Amino acid sequence: MGLLLAVVVLAADIQGREGAKLVLRKLLGRFPRLRLIWADGAAGQLVDWASALGGWLIQVVKHAKNLHSFQVLPRRWMVERTFAWLGRNRRLSKDYEELTETTETWIYTAMTGLMLRRLAYPRAF
């Protein structure tokens, strides 16, 4: 369905791999059927860490080398689609909030609204 399982909003000076660890810690023990996670090309030691922590398999989506034109990356469209859904909400269209916790709350609110619309009108999506 494309709904979010966990959200962590961080300051811009924190590496994505450290943010991924925070998200995975939030998921620990909550979704026992979760086994496969896709990550961007810079996963590094995150693969071993996630396997040791929760038994998850992280599949890295790699960019093609020596490619000088546009190429669609597998699974990247899901991320972009989710960002587009979030951008349709006025409070999330720009970075208005001062606190990261407030932004996280608005993301959960937006995804709850999306889920409720899907439940109310299941054939529209």
C-alpha atoms as a PDB file:
ATOM      1  CA  MET A   1       0.000   0.000   0.000  1.00  0.00           C
ATOM      2  CA  GLY A   2       2.979   2.288   0.382  1.00  0.00           C
ATOM      3  CA  LEU A   3       2.268   3.443   3.929  1.00  0.00           C
ATOM      4  CA  LEU A   4       5.084   4.355   6.310  1.00  0.00           C
ATOM      5  CA  LEU A   5       6.094   2.068   9.148  1.00  0.00           C
ATOM      6  CA  ALA A   6       8.241   4.537  11.083  1.00  0.00           C
ATOM      7  CA  VAL A   7       9.335   8.146  10.707  1.00  0.00           C
ATOM      8  CA  VAL A   8      12.451   9.886  11.973  1.00  0.00           C
ATOM      9  CA  VAL A   9      13.103  13.505  11.027  1.00  0.00           C
ATOM     10  CA  LEU A  10      16.654  14.688  11.646  1.00  0.00           C
ATOM     11  CA  ALA A  11      18.709  17.822  11.209  1.00  0.00           C
ATOM     12  CA  ALA A  12      20.536  18.167   7.906  1.00  0.00           C
ATOM     13  CA  ASP A  13      23.955  17.653   9.496  1.00  0.00           C
ATOM     14  CA  ILE A  14      23.254  13.996  10.392  1.00  0.00           C
ATOM     15  CA  GLN A  15      24.306  11.293   7.935  1.00  0.00           C
ATOM     16  CA  GLY A  16      21.586   9.207   6.318  1.00  0.00           C
ATOM     17  CA  ARG A  17      23.157   5.996   7.584  1.00  0.00           C
ATOM     18  CA  GLU A  18      22.858   7.219  11.190  1.00  0.00           C
ATOM     19  CA  GLY A  19      19.251   8.160  10.538  1.00  0.00           C
ATOM     20  CA  ALA A  20      18.620   4.693   9.119  1.00  0.00           C
ATOM     21  CA  LYS A  21      19.849   3.189  12.383  1.00  0.00           C
ATOM     22  CA  LEU A  22      17.345   5.309  14.314  1.00  0.00           C
ATOM     23  CA  VAL A  23      14.504   4.198  12.029  1.00  0.00           C
ATOM     24  CA  LEU A  24      15.474   0.544  12.318  1.00  0.00           C
ATOM     25  CA  ARG A  25      15.644   0.806  16.110  1.00  0.00           C
ATOM     26  CA  LYS A  26      12.064   2.126  16.032  1.00  0.00           C
ATOM     27  CA  LEU A  27      11.008  -0.895  13.960  1.00  0.00           C
ATOM     28  CA  LEU A  28      12.689  -3.436  16.220  1.00  0.00           C
ATOM     29  CA  GLY A  29      10.106  -5.883  17.553  1.00  0.00           C
ATOM     30  CA  ARG A  30       7.136  -4.084  15.974  1.00  0.00           C
ATOM     31  CA  PHE A  31       6.951  -5.806  12.584  1.00  0.00           C
ATOM     32  CA  PRO A  32       8.054  -9.439  12.871  1.00  0.00           C
ATOM     33  CA  ARG A  33       7.277 -10.182   9.202  1.00  0.00           C
ATOM     34  CA  LEU A  34       9.625  -7.448   7.978  1.00  0.00           C
ATOM     35  CA  ARG A  35      12.679  -9.108   6.441  1.00  0.00           C
ATOM     36  CA  LEU A  36      13.768  -7.103   3.373  1.00  0.00           C
ATOM     37  CA  ILE A  37      14.703  -3.411   3.388  1.00  0.00           C
ATOM     38  CA  TRP A  38      15.890  -1.429   0.381  1.00  0.00           C
ATOM     39  CA  ALA A  39      18.595   1.183   0.893  1.00  0.00           C
ATOM     40  CA  ASP A  40      20.311   3.760  -1.263  1.00  0.00           C
ATOM     41  CA  GLY A  41      23.765   3.103  -2.659  1.00  0.00           C
ATOM     42  CA  ALA A  42      25.663   4.348   0.409  1.00  0.00           C
ATOM     43  CA  ALA A  43      24.610   1.699   2.953  1.00  0.00           C
ATOM     44  CA  GLY A  44      28.139   0.666   3.990  1.00  0.00           C
ATOM     45  CA  GLN A  45      28.286  -1.123   7.329  1.00  0.00           C
ATOM     46  CA  LEU A  46      24.542  -0.660   7.794  1.00  0.00           C
ATOM     47  CA  VAL A  47      23.935  -4.014   6.109  1.00  0.00           C
ATOM     48  CA  ASP A  48      25.844  -5.974   8.762  1.00  0.00           C
ATOM     49  CA  TRP A  49      24.466  -3.847  11.598  1.00  0.00           C
ATOM     50  CA  ALA A  50      20.826  -4.383  10.534  1.00  0.00           C
ATOM     51  CA  SER A  51      21.369  -8.103  10.107  1.00  0.00           C
ATOM     52  CA  ALA A  52      22.799  -8.378  13.622  1.00  0.00           C
ATOM     53  CA  LEU A  53      20.146  -6.150  15.213  1.00  0.00           C
ATOM     54  CA  GLY A  54      16.907  -7.419  13.714  1.00  0.00           C
ATOM     55  CA  GLY A  55      17.798 -10.145  11.241  1.00  0.00           C
ATOM     56  CA  TRP A  56      16.908  -7.847   8.336  1.00  0.00           C
ATOM     57  CA  LEU A  57      18.334  -8.197   4.857  1.00  0.00           C
ATOM     58  CA  ILE A  58      19.242  -4.830   3.379  1.00  0.00           C
ATOM     59  CA  GLN A  59      19.299  -4.802  -0.396  1.00  0.00           C
ATOM     60  CA  VAL A  60      21.334  -1.886  -1.740  1.00  0.00           C
ATOM     61  CA  VAL A  61      19.994  -0.181  -4.873  1.00  0.00           C
ATOM     62  CA  LYS A  62      23.132   0.690  -6.787  1.00  0.00           C
ATOM     63  CA  HIS A  63      23.687   3.347  -9.391  1.00  0.00           C
ATOM     64  CA  ALA A  64      25.112   2.201 -12.719  1.00  0.00           C
ATOM     65  CA  LYS A  65      28.766   3.101 -13.189  1.00  0.00           C
ATOM     66  CA  ASN A  66      29.921   5.236 -16.128  1.00  0.00           C
ATOM     67  CA  LEU A  67      26.361   6.142 -17.070  1.00  0.00           C
ATOM     68  CA  HIS A  68      25.985   9.696 -18.360  1.00  0.00           C
ATOM     69  CA  SER A  69      22.233   9.744 -18.841  1.00  0.00           C
ATOM     70  CA  PHE A  70      19.120   9.411 -16.726  1.00  0.00           C
ATOM     71  CA  GLN A  71      18.329   5.952 -15.412  1.00  0.00           C
ATOM     72  CA  VAL A  72      15.369   4.885 -13.291  1.00  0.00           C
ATOM     73  CA  LEU A  73      16.592   3.129 -10.163  1.00  0.00           C
ATOM     74  CA  PRO A  74      14.620   0.132  -8.886  1.00  0.00           C
ATOM     75  CA  ARG A  75      12.348   0.926  -5.912  1.00  0.00           C
ATOM     76  CA  ARG A  76      13.339   4.611  -5.947  1.00  0.00           C
ATOM     77  CA  TRP A  77       9.937   5.502  -7.413  1.00  0.00           C
ATOM     78  CA  MET A  78       8.284   4.364  -4.159  1.00  0.00           C
ATOM     79  CA  VAL A  79      10.285   6.903  -2.183  1.00  0.00           C
ATOM     80  CA  GLU A  80       9.527   9.698  -4.634  1.00  0.00           C
ATOM     81  CA  ARG A  81       5.816   8.773  -4.688  1.00  0.00           C
ATOM     82  CA  THR A  82       5.681   8.961  -0.883  1.00  0.00           C
ATOM     83  CA  PHE A  83       7.394  12.370  -0.906  1.00  0.00           C
ATOM     84  CA  ALA A  84       4.791  13.531  -3.446  1.00  0.00           C
ATOM     85  CA  TRP A  85       1.958  12.327  -1.192  1.00  0.00           C
ATOM     86  CA  LEU A  86       3.462  14.202   1.739  1.00  0.00           C
ATOM     87  CA  GLY A  87       4.029  17.334  -0.353  1.00  0.00           C
ATOM     88  CA  ARG A  88       0.297  17.547  -1.059  1.00  0.00           C
ATOM     89  CA  ASN A  89      -0.199  18.590   2.572  1.00  0.00           C
ATOM     90  CA  ARG A  90       0.206  22.305   3.172  1.00  0.00           C
ATOM     91  CA  ARG A  91       2.228  21.960   6.377  1.00  0.00           C
ATOM     92  CA  LEU A  92       4.638  19.537   4.700  1.00  0.00           C
ATOM     93  CA  SER A  93       5.009  21.342   1.367  1.00  0.00           C
ATOM     94  CA  LYS A  94       7.714  23.554   2.880  1.00  0.00           C
ATOM     95  CA  ASP A  95       9.852  23.279   5.985  1.00  0.00           C
ATOM     96  CA  TYR A  96       7.705  25.407   8.300  1.00  0.00           C
ATOM     97  CA  GLU A  97       8.337  23.644  11.604  1.00  0.00           C
ATOM     98  CA  GLU A  98      11.118  24.457  14.080  1.00  0.00           C
ATOM     99  CA  LEU A  99      11.027  21.115  15.892  1.00  0.00           C
ATOM    100  CA  THR A 100      11.712  17.811  14.170  1.00  0.00           C
ATOM    101  CA  GLU A 101       9.106  16.150  16.407  1.00  0.00           C
ATOM    102  CA  THR A 102       6.435  18.458  14.987  1.00  0.00           C
ATOM    103  CA  THR A 103       7.349  17.475  11.439  1.00  0.00           C
ATOM    104  CA  GLU A 104       7.226  13.795  12.392  1.00  0.00           C
ATOM    105  CA  THR A 105       3.746  14.317  13.822  1.00  0.00           C
ATOM    106  CA  TRP A 106       2.544  16.027  10.648  1.00  0.00           C
ATOM    107  CA  ILE A 107       3.917  13.161   8.552  1.00  0.00           C
ATOM    108  CA  TYR A 108       2.012  10.635  10.668  1.00  0.00           C
ATOM    109  CA  THR A 109      -1.108  12.816  10.356  1.00  0.00           C
ATOM    110  CA  ALA A 110      -0.771  12.999   6.579  1.00  0.00           C
ATOM    111  CA  MET A 111      -0.291   9.251   6.231  1.00  0.00           C
ATOM    112  CA  THR A 112      -3.250   8.583   8.549  1.00  0.00           C
ATOM    113  CA  GLY A 113      -5.411  10.784   6.323  1.00  0.00           C
ATOM    114  CA  LEU A 114      -4.217   8.887   3.260  1.00  0.00           C
ATOM    115  CA  MET A 115      -5.043   5.558   4.904  1.00  0.00           C
ATOM    116  CA  LEU A 116      -8.497   6.767   5.948  1.00  0.00           C
ATOM    117  CA  ARG A 117      -9.265   7.972   2.409  1.00  0.00           C
ATOM    118  CA  ARG A 118      -8.250   4.564   1.073  1.00  0.00           C
ATOM    119  CA  LEU A 119     -10.541   2.846   3.558  1.00  0.00           C
ATOM    120  CA  ALA A 120     -13.442   5.156   2.705  1.00  0.00           C
ATOM    121  CA  TYR A 121     -12.965   4.930  -1.094  1.00  0.00           C
ATOM    122  CA  PRO A 122     -11.055   1.691  -1.764  1.00  0.00           C
ATOM    123  CA  ARG A 123     -11.517   1.711  -5.534  1.00  0.00           C
ATOM    124  CA  ALA A 124     -10.179   5.234  -6.023  1.00  0.00           C
ATOM    125  CA  PHE A 125      -6.585   4.231  -5.248  1.00  0.00           C
END
